PDB file of N, CA and C in Angstrom:
ATOM      1  N   MET A   1      95.409  89.990  90.635  1.00  0.00           N
ATOM      2  CA  MET A   1      96.043  90.369  91.886  1.00  0.00           C
ATOM      3  C   MET A   1      95.312  89.646  93.020  1.00  0.00           C
ATOM      4  N   THR A   2      96.074  89.017  93.873  1.00  0.00           N
ATOM      5  CA  THR A   2      95.472  88.298  94.993  1.00  0.00           C
ATOM      6  C   THR A   2      95.270  89.239  96.166  1.00  0.00           C
ATOM      7  N   ALA A   3      94.537  88.770  97.145  1.00  0.00           N
ATOM      8  CA  ALA A   3      94.302  89.579  98.349  1.00  0.00           C
ATOM      9  C   ALA A   3      95.622  89.909  99.034  1.00  0.00           C
ATOM     10  N   ASP A   4      96.551  88.944  99.056  1.00  0.00           N
ATOM     11  CA  ASP A   4      97.856  89.189  99.678  1.00  0.00           C
ATOM     12  C   ASP A   4      98.609  90.304  98.961  1.00  0.00           C
ATOM     13  N   ASP A   5      98.522  90.327  97.628  1.00  0.00           N
ATOM     14  CA  ASP A   5      99.173  91.388  96.853  1.00  0.00           C
ATOM     15  C   ASP A   5      98.567  92.741  97.206  1.00  0.00           C
ATOM     16  N   SER A   6      97.252  92.803  97.331  1.00  0.00           N
ATOM     17  CA  SER A   6      96.570  94.066  97.641  1.00  0.00           C
ATOM     18  C   SER A   6      96.986  94.586  99.001  1.00  0.00           C
ATOM     19  N   TYR A   7      97.072  93.712  99.988  1.00  0.00           N
ATOM     20  CA  TYR A   7      97.465  94.150 101.326  1.00  0.00           C
ATOM     21  C   TYR A   7      98.892  94.677 101.326  1.00  0.00           C
ATOM     22  N   GLY A   8      99.775  94.056 100.579  1.00  0.00           N
ATOM     23  CA  GLY A   8     101.156  94.507 100.501  1.00  0.00           C
ATOM     24  C   GLY A   8     101.269  95.887  99.872  1.00  0.00           C
ATOM     25  N   ARG A   9     100.390  96.214  98.952  1.00  0.00           N
ATOM     26  CA  ARG A   9     100.433  97.509  98.267  1.00  0.00           C
ATOM     27  C   ARG A   9      99.980  98.642  99.178  1.00  0.00           C
ATOM     28  N   LEU A  10      99.279  98.345 100.255  1.00  0.00           N
ATOM     29  CA  LEU A  10      98.796  99.398 101.150  1.00  0.00           C
ATOM     30  C   LEU A  10      99.955 100.139 101.821  1.00  0.00           C
ATOM     31  N   ASP A  11     101.123  99.528 101.880  1.00  0.00           N
ATOM     32  CA  ASP A  11     102.306 100.191 102.426  1.00  0.00           C
ATOM     33  C   ASP A  11     102.970 101.097 101.394  1.00  0.00           C
ATOM     34  N   ASP A  12     102.533 100.997 100.144  1.00  0.00           N
ATOM     35  CA  ASP A  12     103.090 101.785  99.042  1.00  0.00           C
ATOM     36  C   ASP A  12     102.478 103.182  99.057  1.00  0.00           C
ATOM     37  N   ASP A  13     103.316 104.216  99.230  1.00  0.00           N
ATOM     38  CA  ASP A  13     102.832 105.601  99.273  1.00  0.00           C
ATOM     39  C   ASP A  13     102.152 106.034  97.983  1.00  0.00           C
ATOM     40  N   ASP A  14     102.451 105.360  96.882  1.00  0.00           N
ATOM     41  CA  ASP A  14     101.895 105.743  95.586  1.00  0.00           C
ATOM     42  C   ASP A  14     100.682 104.907  95.174  1.00  0.00           C
ATOM     43  N   TYR A  15     100.296 103.969  95.995  1.00  0.00           N
ATOM     44  CA  TYR A  15      99.145 103.122  95.670  1.00  0.00           C
ATOM     45  C   TYR A  15      97.850 103.912  95.882  1.00  0.00           C
ATOM     46  N   PRO A  16      97.005 104.013  94.856  1.00  0.00           N
ATOM     47  CA  PRO A  16      95.769 104.806  94.953  1.00  0.00           C
ATOM     48  C   PRO A  16      94.681 104.063  95.737  1.00  0.00           C
ATOM     49  N   ALA A  17      94.781 104.102  97.036  1.00  0.00           N
ATOM     50  CA  ALA A  17      93.917 103.302  97.894  1.00  0.00           C
ATOM     51  C   ALA A  17      92.655 104.022  98.369  1.00  0.00           C
ATOM     52  N   TYR A  18      92.593 105.343  98.218  1.00  0.00           N
ATOM     53  CA  TYR A  18      91.518 106.106  98.852  1.00  0.00           C
ATOM     54  C   TYR A  18      90.572 106.739  97.835  1.00  0.00           C
ATOM     55  N   THR A  19      89.292 106.578  98.080  1.00  0.00           N
ATOM     56  CA  THR A  19      88.286 107.224  97.246  1.00  0.00           C
ATOM     57  C   THR A  19      88.292 108.718  97.532  1.00  0.00           C
ATOM     58  N   MET A  20      87.645 109.469  96.678  1.00  0.00           N
ATOM     59  CA  MET A  20      87.602 110.917  96.865  1.00  0.00           C
ATOM     60  C   MET A  20      86.945 111.275  98.198  1.00  0.00           C
ATOM     61  N   GLY A  21      85.841 110.633  98.523  1.00  0.00           N
ATOM     62  CA  GLY A  21      85.156 110.930  99.779  1.00  0.00           C
ATOM     63  C   GLY A  21      86.023 110.642 100.986  1.00  0.00           C
ATOM     64  N   ARG A  22      86.678 109.494 100.972  1.00  0.00           N
ATOM     65  CA  ARG A  22      87.553 109.120 102.095  1.00  0.00           C
ATOM     66  C   ARG A  22      88.764 110.051 102.166  1.00  0.00           C
ATOM     67  N   ALA A  23      89.334 110.388 101.020  1.00  0.00           N
ATOM     68  CA  ALA A  23      90.487 111.293 100.984  1.00  0.00           C
ATOM     69  C   ALA A  23      90.119 112.647 101.564  1.00  0.00           C
ATOM     70  N   ALA A  24      88.982 113.183 101.157  1.00  0.00           N
ATOM     71  CA  ALA A  24      88.541 114.489 101.667  1.00  0.00           C
ATOM     72  C   ALA A  24      88.333 114.423 103.179  1.00  0.00           C
ATOM     73  N   GLU A  25      87.741 113.350 103.634  1.00  0.00           N
ATOM     74  CA  GLU A  25      87.501 113.175 105.071  1.00  0.00           C
ATOM     75  C   GLU A  25      88.819 113.095 105.839  1.00  0.00           C
ATOM     76  N   MET A  26      89.779 112.377 105.290  1.00  0.00           N
ATOM     77  CA  MET A  26      91.056 112.185 105.982  1.00  0.00           C
ATOM     78  C   MET A  26      91.824 113.487 106.170  1.00  0.00           C
ATOM     79  N   ILE A  27      91.741 114.394 105.202  1.00  0.00           N
ATOM     80  CA  ILE A  27      92.501 115.644 105.330  1.00  0.00           C
ATOM     81  C   ILE A  27      91.615 116.809 105.756  1.00  0.00           C
ATOM     82  N   GLY A  28      90.350 116.517 106.033  1.00  0.00           N
ATOM     83  CA  GLY A  28      89.460 117.542 106.559  1.00  0.00           C
ATOM     84  C   GLY A  28      89.099 118.623 105.566  1.00  0.00           C
ATOM     85  N   THR A  29      88.816 118.220 104.344  1.00  0.00           N
ATOM     86  CA  THR A  29      88.443 119.188 103.317  1.00  0.00           C
ATOM     87  C   THR A  29      87.237 118.676 102.544  1.00  0.00           C
ATOM     88  N   THR A  30      86.906 119.360 101.488  1.00  0.00           N
ATOM     89  CA  THR A  30      85.759 118.952 100.666  1.00  0.00           C
ATOM     90  C   THR A  30      86.241 118.248  99.405  1.00  0.00           C
ATOM     91  N   GLN A  31      85.330 117.540  98.791  1.00  0.00           N
ATOM     92  CA  GLN A  31      85.644 116.908  97.513  1.00  0.00           C
ATOM     93  C   GLN A  31      85.904 117.975  96.451  1.00  0.00           C
ATOM     94  N   GLY A  32      85.221 119.087  96.561  1.00  0.00           N
ATOM     95  CA  GLY A  32      85.440 120.192  95.636  1.00  0.00           C
ATOM     96  C   GLY A  32      86.864 120.719  95.692  1.00  0.00           C
ATOM     97  N   PHE A  33      87.427 120.761  96.899  1.00  0.00           N
ATOM     98  CA  PHE A  33      88.819 121.202  97.045  1.00  0.00           C
ATOM     99  C   PHE A  33      89.750 120.235  96.320  1.00  0.00           C
ATOM    100  N   LEU A  34      89.509 118.934  96.478  1.00  0.00           N
ATOM    101  CA  LEU A  34      90.342 117.943  95.792  1.00  0.00           C
ATOM    102  C   LEU A  34      90.202 118.082  94.276  1.00  0.00           C
ATOM    103  N   ARG A  35      88.990 118.349  93.807  1.00  0.00           N
ATOM    104  CA  ARG A  35      88.791 118.577  92.374  1.00  0.00           C
ATOM    105  C   ARG A  35      89.571 119.813  91.913  1.00  0.00           C
ATOM    106  N   ALA A  36      89.529 120.873  92.732  1.00  0.00           N
ATOM    107  CA  ALA A  36      90.201 122.128  92.371  1.00  0.00           C
ATOM    108  C   ALA A  36      91.709 121.955  92.253  1.00  0.00           C
ATOM    109  N   ILE A  37      92.320 121.233  93.179  1.00  0.00           N
ATOM    110  CA  ILE A  37      93.772 121.048  93.076  1.00  0.00           C
ATOM    111  C   ILE A  37      94.113 120.069  91.952  1.00  0.00           C
ATOM    112  N   GLY A  38      93.158 119.210  91.612  1.00  0.00           N
ATOM    113  CA  GLY A  38      93.339 118.362  90.435  1.00  0.00           C
ATOM    114  C   GLY A  38      93.276 119.178  89.159  1.00  0.00           C
ATOM    115  N   GLU A  39      92.329 120.103  89.096  1.00  0.00           N
ATOM    116  CA  GLU A  39      92.212 120.978  87.925  1.00  0.00           C
ATOM    117  C   GLU A  39      93.429 121.890  87.798  1.00  0.00           C
ATOM    118  N   ALA A  40      94.013 122.267  88.929  1.00  0.00           N
ATOM    119  CA  ALA A  40      95.237 123.079  88.918  1.00  0.00           C
ATOM    120  C   ALA A  40      96.469 122.224  88.605  1.00  0.00           C
ATOM    121  N   ARG A  41      96.258 120.932  88.459  1.00  0.00           N
ATOM    122  CA  ARG A  41      97.305 119.957  88.121  1.00  0.00           C
ATOM    123  C   ARG A  41      98.370 119.805  89.190  1.00  0.00           C
ATOM    124  N   LEU A  42      97.968 120.067  90.431  1.00  0.00           N
ATOM    125  CA  LEU A  42      98.895 119.811  91.534  1.00  0.00           C
ATOM    126  C   LEU A  42      99.014 118.305  91.744  1.00  0.00           C
ATOM    127  N   ILE A  43      97.887 117.627  91.710  1.00  0.00           N
ATOM    128  CA  ILE A  43      97.872 116.165  91.795  1.00  0.00           C
ATOM    129  C   ILE A  43      96.948 115.643  90.699  1.00  0.00           C
ATOM    130  N   THR A  44      97.230 114.449  90.241  1.00  0.00           N
ATOM    131  CA  THR A  44      96.381 113.796  89.250  1.00  0.00           C
ATOM    132  C   THR A  44      96.000 112.436  89.799  1.00  0.00           C
ATOM    133  N   PRO A  45      94.790 112.331  90.340  1.00  0.00           N
ATOM    134  CA  PRO A  45      94.395 111.043  90.900  1.00  0.00           C
ATOM    135  C   PRO A  45      94.232 109.993  89.810  1.00  0.00           C
ATOM    136  N   LEU A  46      94.487 108.758  90.171  1.00  0.00           N
ATOM    137  CA  LEU A  46      94.219 107.683  89.241  1.00  0.00           C
ATOM    138  C   LEU A  46      92.713 107.461  89.192  1.00  0.00           C
ATOM    139  N   ARG A  47      92.254 106.775  88.190  1.00  0.00           N
ATOM    140  CA  ARG A  47      90.831 106.484  88.044  1.00  0.00           C
ATOM    141  C   ARG A  47      90.606 104.980  88.166  1.00  0.00           C
ATOM    142  N   SER A  48      89.546 104.622  88.885  1.00  0.00           N
ATOM    143  CA  SER A  48      89.170 103.220  88.988  1.00  0.00           C
ATOM    144  C   SER A  48      88.573 102.787  87.651  1.00  0.00           C
ATOM    145  N   GLU A  49      88.289 101.516  87.509  1.00  0.00           N
ATOM    146  CA  GLU A  49      87.671 101.020  86.278  1.00  0.00           C
ATOM    147  C   GLU A  49      86.341 101.719  86.022  1.00  0.00           C
ATOM    148  N   GLY A  50      85.659 102.117  87.077  1.00  0.00           N
ATOM    149  CA  GLY A  50      84.385 102.815  86.945  1.00  0.00           C
ATOM    150  C   GLY A  50      84.533 104.310  86.749  1.00  0.00           C
ATOM    151  N   GLY A  51      85.782 104.818  86.708  1.00  0.00           N
ATOM    152  CA  GLY A  51      86.033 106.235  86.470  1.00  0.00           C
ATOM    153  C   GLY A  51      86.100 107.089  87.722  1.00  0.00           C
ATOM    154  N   HIS A  52      86.059 106.460  88.895  1.00  0.00           N
ATOM    155  CA  HIS A  52      86.120 107.220  90.150  1.00  0.00           C
ATOM    156  C   HIS A  52      87.560 107.558  90.500  1.00  0.00           C
ATOM    157  N   ARG A  53      87.748 108.736  91.071  1.00  0.00           N
ATOM    158  CA  ARG A  53      89.090 109.176  91.466  1.00  0.00           C
ATOM    159  C   ARG A  53      89.588 108.354  92.657  1.00  0.00           C
ATOM    160  N   ARG A  54      90.871 108.009  92.617  1.00  0.00           N
ATOM    161  CA  ARG A  54      91.541 107.289  93.705  1.00  0.00           C
ATOM    162  C   ARG A  54      92.833 108.022  94.033  1.00  0.00           C
ATOM    163  N   TYR A  55      93.073 108.212  95.325  1.00  0.00           N
ATOM    164  CA  TYR A  55      94.220 108.989  95.795  1.00  0.00           C
ATOM    165  C   TYR A  55      95.182 108.112  96.581  1.00  0.00           C
ATOM    166  N   SER A  56      96.465 108.429  96.458  1.00  0.00           N
ATOM    167  CA  SER A  56      97.503 107.745  97.225  1.00  0.00           C
ATOM    168  C   SER A  56      97.818 108.552  98.483  1.00  0.00           C
ATOM    169  N   ARG A  57      98.557 107.932  99.386  1.00  0.00           N
ATOM    170  CA  ARG A  57      98.968 108.659 100.597  1.00  0.00           C
ATOM    171  C   ARG A  57      99.872 109.834 100.244  1.00  0.00           C
ATOM    172  N   TYR A  58     100.723 109.661  99.253  1.00  0.00           N
ATOM    173  CA  TYR A  58     101.587 110.755  98.814  1.00  0.00           C
ATOM    174  C   TYR A  58     100.735 111.934  98.331  1.00  0.00           C
ATOM    175  N   GLN A  59      99.720 111.660  97.522  1.00  0.00           N
ATOM    176  CA  GLN A  59      98.839 112.722  97.033  1.00  0.00           C
ATOM    177  C   GLN A  59      98.078 113.381  98.176  1.00  0.00           C
ATOM    178  N   LEU A  60      97.706 112.612  99.175  1.00  0.00           N
ATOM    179  CA  LEU A  60      97.000 113.185 100.327  1.00  0.00           C
ATOM    180  C   LEU A  60      97.907 114.123 101.118  1.00  0.00           C
ATOM    181  N   ARG A  61      99.188 113.803 101.216  1.00  0.00           N
ATOM    182  CA  ARG A  61     100.119 114.717 101.898  1.00  0.00           C
ATOM    183  C   ARG A  61     100.229 116.032 101.135  1.00  0.00           C
ATOM    184  N   ILE A  62     100.285 115.959  99.825  1.00  0.00           N
ATOM    185  CA  ILE A  62     100.345 117.174  99.005  1.00  0.00           C
ATOM    186  C   ILE A  62      99.058 117.969  99.165  1.00  0.00           C
ATOM    187  N   ALA A  63      97.922 117.284  99.124  1.00  0.00           N
ATOM    188  CA  ALA A  63      96.625 117.961  99.273  1.00  0.00           C
ATOM    189  C   ALA A  63      96.515 118.613 100.646  1.00  0.00           C
ATOM    190  N   ALA A  64      97.011 117.941 101.673  1.00  0.00           N
ATOM    191  CA  ALA A  64      96.965 118.513 103.024  1.00  0.00           C
ATOM    192  C   ALA A  64      97.829 119.768 103.107  1.00  0.00           C
ATOM    193  N   ARG A  65      98.983 119.761 102.442  1.00  0.00           N
ATOM    194  CA  ARG A  65      99.840 120.962 102.420  1.00  0.00           C
ATOM    195  C   ARG A  65      99.129 122.106 101.697  1.00  0.00           C
ATOM    196  N   ALA A  66      98.453 121.793 100.586  1.00  0.00           N
ATOM    197  CA  ALA A  66      97.705 122.817  99.852  1.00  0.00           C
ATOM    198  C   ALA A  66      96.603 123.387 100.732  1.00  0.00           C
ATOM    199  N   ARG A  67      95.922 122.523 101.444  1.00  0.00           N
ATOM    200  CA  ARG A  67      94.840 122.980 102.324  1.00  0.00           C
ATOM    201  C   ARG A  67      95.396 123.891 103.415  1.00  0.00           C
ATOM    202  N   GLU A  68      96.544 123.538 103.962  1.00  0.00           N
ATOM    203  CA  GLU A  68      97.185 124.358 104.998  1.00  0.00           C
ATOM    204  C   GLU A  68      97.462 125.766 104.470  1.00  0.00           C
ATOM    205  N   LEU A  69      98.014 125.860 103.263  1.00  0.00           N
ATOM    206  CA  LEU A  69      98.316 127.163 102.671  1.00  0.00           C
ATOM    207  C   LEU A  69      97.045 127.958 102.384  1.00  0.00           C
ATOM    208  N   VAL A  70      96.029 127.285 101.856  1.00  0.00           N
ATOM    209  CA  VAL A  70      94.761 127.955 101.550  1.00  0.00           C
ATOM    210  C   VAL A  70      94.101 128.438 102.841  1.00  0.00           C
ATOM    211  N   ASP A  71      94.167 127.626 103.879  1.00  0.00           N
ATOM    212  CA  ASP A  71      93.603 128.034 105.172  1.00  0.00           C
ATOM    213  C   ASP A  71      94.309 129.269 105.738  1.00  0.00           C
ATOM    214  N   GLN A  72      95.557 129.475 105.355  1.00  0.00           N
ATOM    215  CA  GLN A  72      96.317 130.651 105.799  1.00  0.00           C
ATOM    216  C   GLN A  72      96.036 131.865 104.919  1.00  0.00           C
ATOM    217  N   GLY A  73      95.177 131.702 103.921  1.00  0.00           N
ATOM    218  CA  GLY A  73      94.793 132.824 103.070  1.00  0.00           C
ATOM    219  C   GLY A  73      95.444 132.873 101.702  1.00  0.00           C
ATOM    220  N   THR A  74      96.225 131.882 101.364  1.00  0.00           N
ATOM    221  CA  THR A  74      96.881 131.838 100.056  1.00  0.00           C
ATOM    222  C   THR A  74      95.879 131.381  99.003  1.00  0.00           C
ATOM    223  N   PRO A  75      95.775 132.091  97.886  1.00  0.00           N
ATOM    224  CA  PRO A  75      94.893 131.628  96.804  1.00  0.00           C
ATOM    225  C   PRO A  75      95.314 130.236  96.331  1.00  0.00           C
ATOM    226  N   ILE A  76      94.362 129.433  95.908  1.00  0.00           N
ATOM    227  CA  ILE A  76      94.645 128.037  95.574  1.00  0.00           C
ATOM    228  C   ILE A  76      95.695 127.904  94.477  1.00  0.00           C
ATOM    229  N   GLU A  77      95.647 128.767  93.462  1.00  0.00           N
ATOM    230  CA  GLU A  77      96.639 128.691  92.380  1.00  0.00           C
ATOM    231  C   GLU A  77      98.035 128.969  92.922  1.00  0.00           C
ATOM    232  N   ALA A  78      98.153 129.956  93.801  1.00  0.00           N
ATOM    233  CA  ALA A  78      99.447 130.288  94.400  1.00  0.00           C
ATOM    234  C   ALA A  78      99.918 129.156  95.312  1.00  0.00           C
ATOM    235  N   ALA A  79      99.000 128.558  96.063  1.00  0.00           N
ATOM    236  CA  ALA A  79      99.355 127.443  96.945  1.00  0.00           C
ATOM    237  C   ALA A  79      99.917 126.285  96.133  1.00  0.00           C
ATOM    238  N   CYS A  80      99.290 125.999  94.999  1.00  0.00           N
ATOM    239  CA  CYS A  80      99.768 124.918  94.135  1.00  0.00           C
ATOM    240  C   CYS A  80     101.167 125.228  93.620  1.00  0.00           C
ATOM    241  N   ARG A  81     101.402 126.457  93.220  1.00  0.00           N
ATOM    242  CA  ARG A  81     102.722 126.845  92.710  1.00  0.00           C
ATOM    243  C   ARG A  81     103.776 126.764  93.815  1.00  0.00           C
ATOM    244  N   ILE A  82     103.435 127.197  95.001  1.00  0.00           N
ATOM    245  CA  ILE A  82     104.359 127.120  96.144  1.00  0.00           C
ATOM    246  C   ILE A  82     104.762 125.670  96.392  1.00  0.00           C
ATOM    247  N   ILE A  83     103.798 124.774  96.362  1.00  0.00           N
ATOM    248  CA  ILE A  83     104.091 123.364  96.630  1.00  0.00           C
ATOM    249  C   ILE A  83     104.995 122.776  95.549  1.00  0.00           C
ATOM    250  N   VAL A  84     104.751 123.128  94.294  1.00  0.00           N
ATOM    251  CA  VAL A  84     105.614 122.667  93.200  1.00  0.00           C
ATOM    252  C   VAL A  84     107.035 123.182  93.412  1.00  0.00           C
ATOM    253  N   LEU A  85     107.166 124.458  93.769  1.00  0.00           N
ATOM    254  CA  LEU A  85     108.495 125.033  93.998  1.00  0.00           C
ATOM    255  C   LEU A  85     109.182 124.397  95.211  1.00  0.00           C
ATOM    256  N   GLU A  86     108.431 124.129  96.266  1.00  0.00           N
ATOM    257  CA  GLU A  86     109.001 123.447  97.439  1.00  0.00           C
ATOM    258  C   GLU A  86     109.536 122.076  97.044  1.00  0.00           C
ATOM    259  N   ASP A  87     108.782 121.364  96.221  1.00  0.00           N
ATOM    260  CA  ASP A  87     109.175 120.037  95.770  1.00  0.00           C
ATOM    261  C   ASP A  87     110.443 120.110  94.916  1.00  0.00           C
ATOM    262  N   GLN A  88     110.500 121.096  94.024  1.00  0.00           N
ATOM    263  CA  GLN A  88     111.684 121.268  93.185  1.00  0.00           C
ATOM    264  C   GLN A  88     112.910 121.619  94.024  1.00  0.00           C
ATOM    265  N   LEU A  89     112.740 122.468  95.025  1.00  0.00           N
ATOM    266  CA  LEU A  89     113.847 122.829  95.907  1.00  0.00           C
ATOM    267  C   LEU A  89     114.348 121.607  96.672  1.00  0.00           C
ATOM    268  N   GLU A  90     113.422 120.821  97.195  1.00  0.00           N
ATOM    269  CA  GLU A  90     113.811 119.613  97.936  1.00  0.00           C
ATOM    270  C   GLU A  90     114.602 118.666  97.042  1.00  0.00           C
ATOM    271  N   GLU A  91     114.163 118.485  95.803  1.00  0.00           N
ATOM    272  CA  GLU A  91     114.863 117.612  94.865  1.00  0.00           C
ATOM    273  C   GLU A  91     116.252 118.159  94.544  1.00  0.00           C
ATOM    274  N   ALA A  92     116.366 119.465  94.320  1.00  0.00           N
ATOM    275  CA  ALA A  92     117.667 120.081  94.035  1.00  0.00           C
ATOM    276  C   ALA A  92     118.615 119.915  95.215  1.00  0.00           C
ATOM    277  N   GLN A  93     118.103 120.068  96.432  1.00  0.00           N
ATOM    278  CA  GLN A  93     118.947 119.895  97.620  1.00  0.00           C
ATOM    279  C   GLN A  93     119.408 118.448  97.754  1.00  0.00           C
ATOM    280  N   ARG A  94     118.540 117.512  97.416  1.00  0.00           N
ATOM    281  CA  ARG A  94     118.911 116.091  97.469  1.00  0.00           C
ATOM    282  C   ARG A  94     120.017 115.793  96.461  1.00  0.00           C
ATOM    283  N   ILE A  95     119.885 116.327  95.250  1.00  0.00           N
ATOM    284  CA  ILE A  95     120.894 116.114  94.215  1.00  0.00           C
ATOM    285  C   ILE A  95     122.218 116.751  94.618  1.00  0.00           C
ATOM    286  N   ASN A  96     122.174 117.963  95.160  1.00  0.00           N
ATOM    287  CA  ASN A  96     123.402 118.634  95.610  1.00  0.00           C
ATOM    288  C   ASN A  96     124.102 117.836  96.695  1.00  0.00           C
ATOM    289  N   ALA A  97     123.332 117.280  97.616  1.00  0.00           N
ATOM    290  CA  ALA A  97     123.924 116.467  98.682  1.00  0.00           C
ATOM    291  C   ALA A  97     124.605 115.227  98.096  1.00  0.00           C
ATOM    292  N   GLU A  98     123.994 114.623  97.088  1.00  0.00           N
ATOM    293  CA  GLU A  98     124.602 113.459  96.430  1.00  0.00           C
ATOM    294  C   GLU A  98     125.908 113.850  95.751  1.00  0.00           C
ATOM    295  N   TYR A  99     125.912 115.001  95.068  1.00  0.00           N
ATOM    296  CA  TYR A  99     127.139 115.475  94.420  1.00  0.00           C
ATOM    297  C   TYR A  99     128.233 115.732  95.452  1.00  0.00           C
ATOM    298  N   ARG A 100     127.874 116.333  96.586  1.00  0.00           N
ATOM    299  CA  ARG A 100     128.860 116.593  97.626  1.00  0.00           C
ATOM    300  C   ARG A 100     129.445 115.295  98.173  1.00  0.00           C
ATOM    301  N   ARG A 101     128.570 114.316  98.398  1.00  0.00           N
ATOM    302  CA  ARG A 101     129.058 113.018  98.890  1.00  0.00           C
ATOM    303  C   ARG A 101     129.992 112.377  97.863  1.00  0.00           C
ATOM    304  N   ALA A 102     129.613 112.418  96.593  1.00  0.00           N
ATOM    305  CA  ALA A 102     130.435 111.819  95.533  1.00  0.00           C
ATOM    306  C   ALA A 102     131.765 112.560  95.413  1.00  0.00           C
ATOM    307  N   ALA A 103     131.732 113.888  95.510  1.00  0.00           N
ATOM    308  CA  ALA A 103     132.975 114.671  95.420  1.00  0.00           C
ATOM    309  C   ALA A 103     133.859 114.388  96.630  1.00  0.00           C
ATOM    310  N   GLY A 104     133.276 114.237  97.799  1.00  0.00           N
ATOM    311  CA  GLY A 104     134.041 113.937  99.006  1.00  0.00           C
ATOM    312  C   GLY A 104     134.693 112.571  98.928  1.00  0.00           C
ATOM    313  N   ALA A 105     134.022 111.614  98.334  1.00  0.00           N
ATOM    314  CA  ALA A 105     134.575 110.265  98.193  1.00  0.00           C
ATOM    315  C   ALA A 105     135.677 110.240  97.140  1.00  0.00           C
ATOM    316  N   ALA A 106     135.605 111.149  96.160  1.00  0.00           N
ATOM    317  CA  ALA A 106     136.595 111.169  95.083  1.00  0.00           C
ATOM    318  C   ALA A 106     137.871 111.908  95.470  1.00  0.00           C
ATOM    319  N   ASP A 107     137.827 112.781  96.489  1.00  0.00           N
ATOM    320  CA  ASP A 107     139.000 113.539  96.921  1.00  0.00           C
ATOM    321  C   ASP A 107     140.007 112.593  97.580  1.00  0.00           C
ATOM    322  N   PRO A 108     141.276 112.680  97.124  1.00  0.00           N
ATOM    323  CA  PRO A 108     142.298 111.817  97.767  1.00  0.00           C
ATOM    324  C   PRO A 108     142.577 112.322  99.175  1.00  0.00           C
ATOM    325  N   PRO A 109     142.936 111.448 100.066  1.00  0.00           N
ATOM    326  CA  PRO A 109     143.258 111.869 101.438  1.00  0.00           C
ATOM    327  C   PRO A 109     144.487 112.780 101.419  1.00  0.00           C
ATOM    328  N   THR A 110     144.466 113.790 102.259  1.00  0.00           N
ATOM    329  CA  THR A 110     145.599 114.716 102.336  1.00  0.00           C
ATOM    330  C   THR A 110     146.601 114.207 103.366  1.00  0.00           C
ATOM    331  N   ALA A 111     147.852 114.515 103.119  1.00  0.00           N
ATOM    332  CA  ALA A 111     148.907 114.100 104.047  1.00  0.00           C
ATOM    333  C   ALA A 111     148.901 115.023 105.263  1.00  0.00           C
ATOM    334  N   ALA A 112     149.096 114.455 106.424  1.00  0.00           N
ATOM    335  CA  ALA A 112     149.075 115.249 107.653  1.00  0.00           C
ATOM    336  C   ALA A 112     150.454 115.603 108.107  1.00  0.00           C
TER     337      ALA A 112
END
């Protein structure tokens, strides 16, 4: 991978660009918190060749949402479950909207 390729990947939300320390700093939490949500399987960071955790921007958004819920008093396991359910609901709503658009396009025009 060339330097140009690496710079282009920084715009990719799924590119694991951030170390654990930097990720924790960016969302204002501890490395232990990131480990805990990893153990709860909310996010699974990629590993560098040296075995260090690397996080993507997408994973940081999820971690920040978990931190928000935990800061409001939600137990970490419950916060992780809430986020999974929110994600599933969003996906279901997206699919329903696609079905509605497809059904609307398939309906023949009515005579006026």
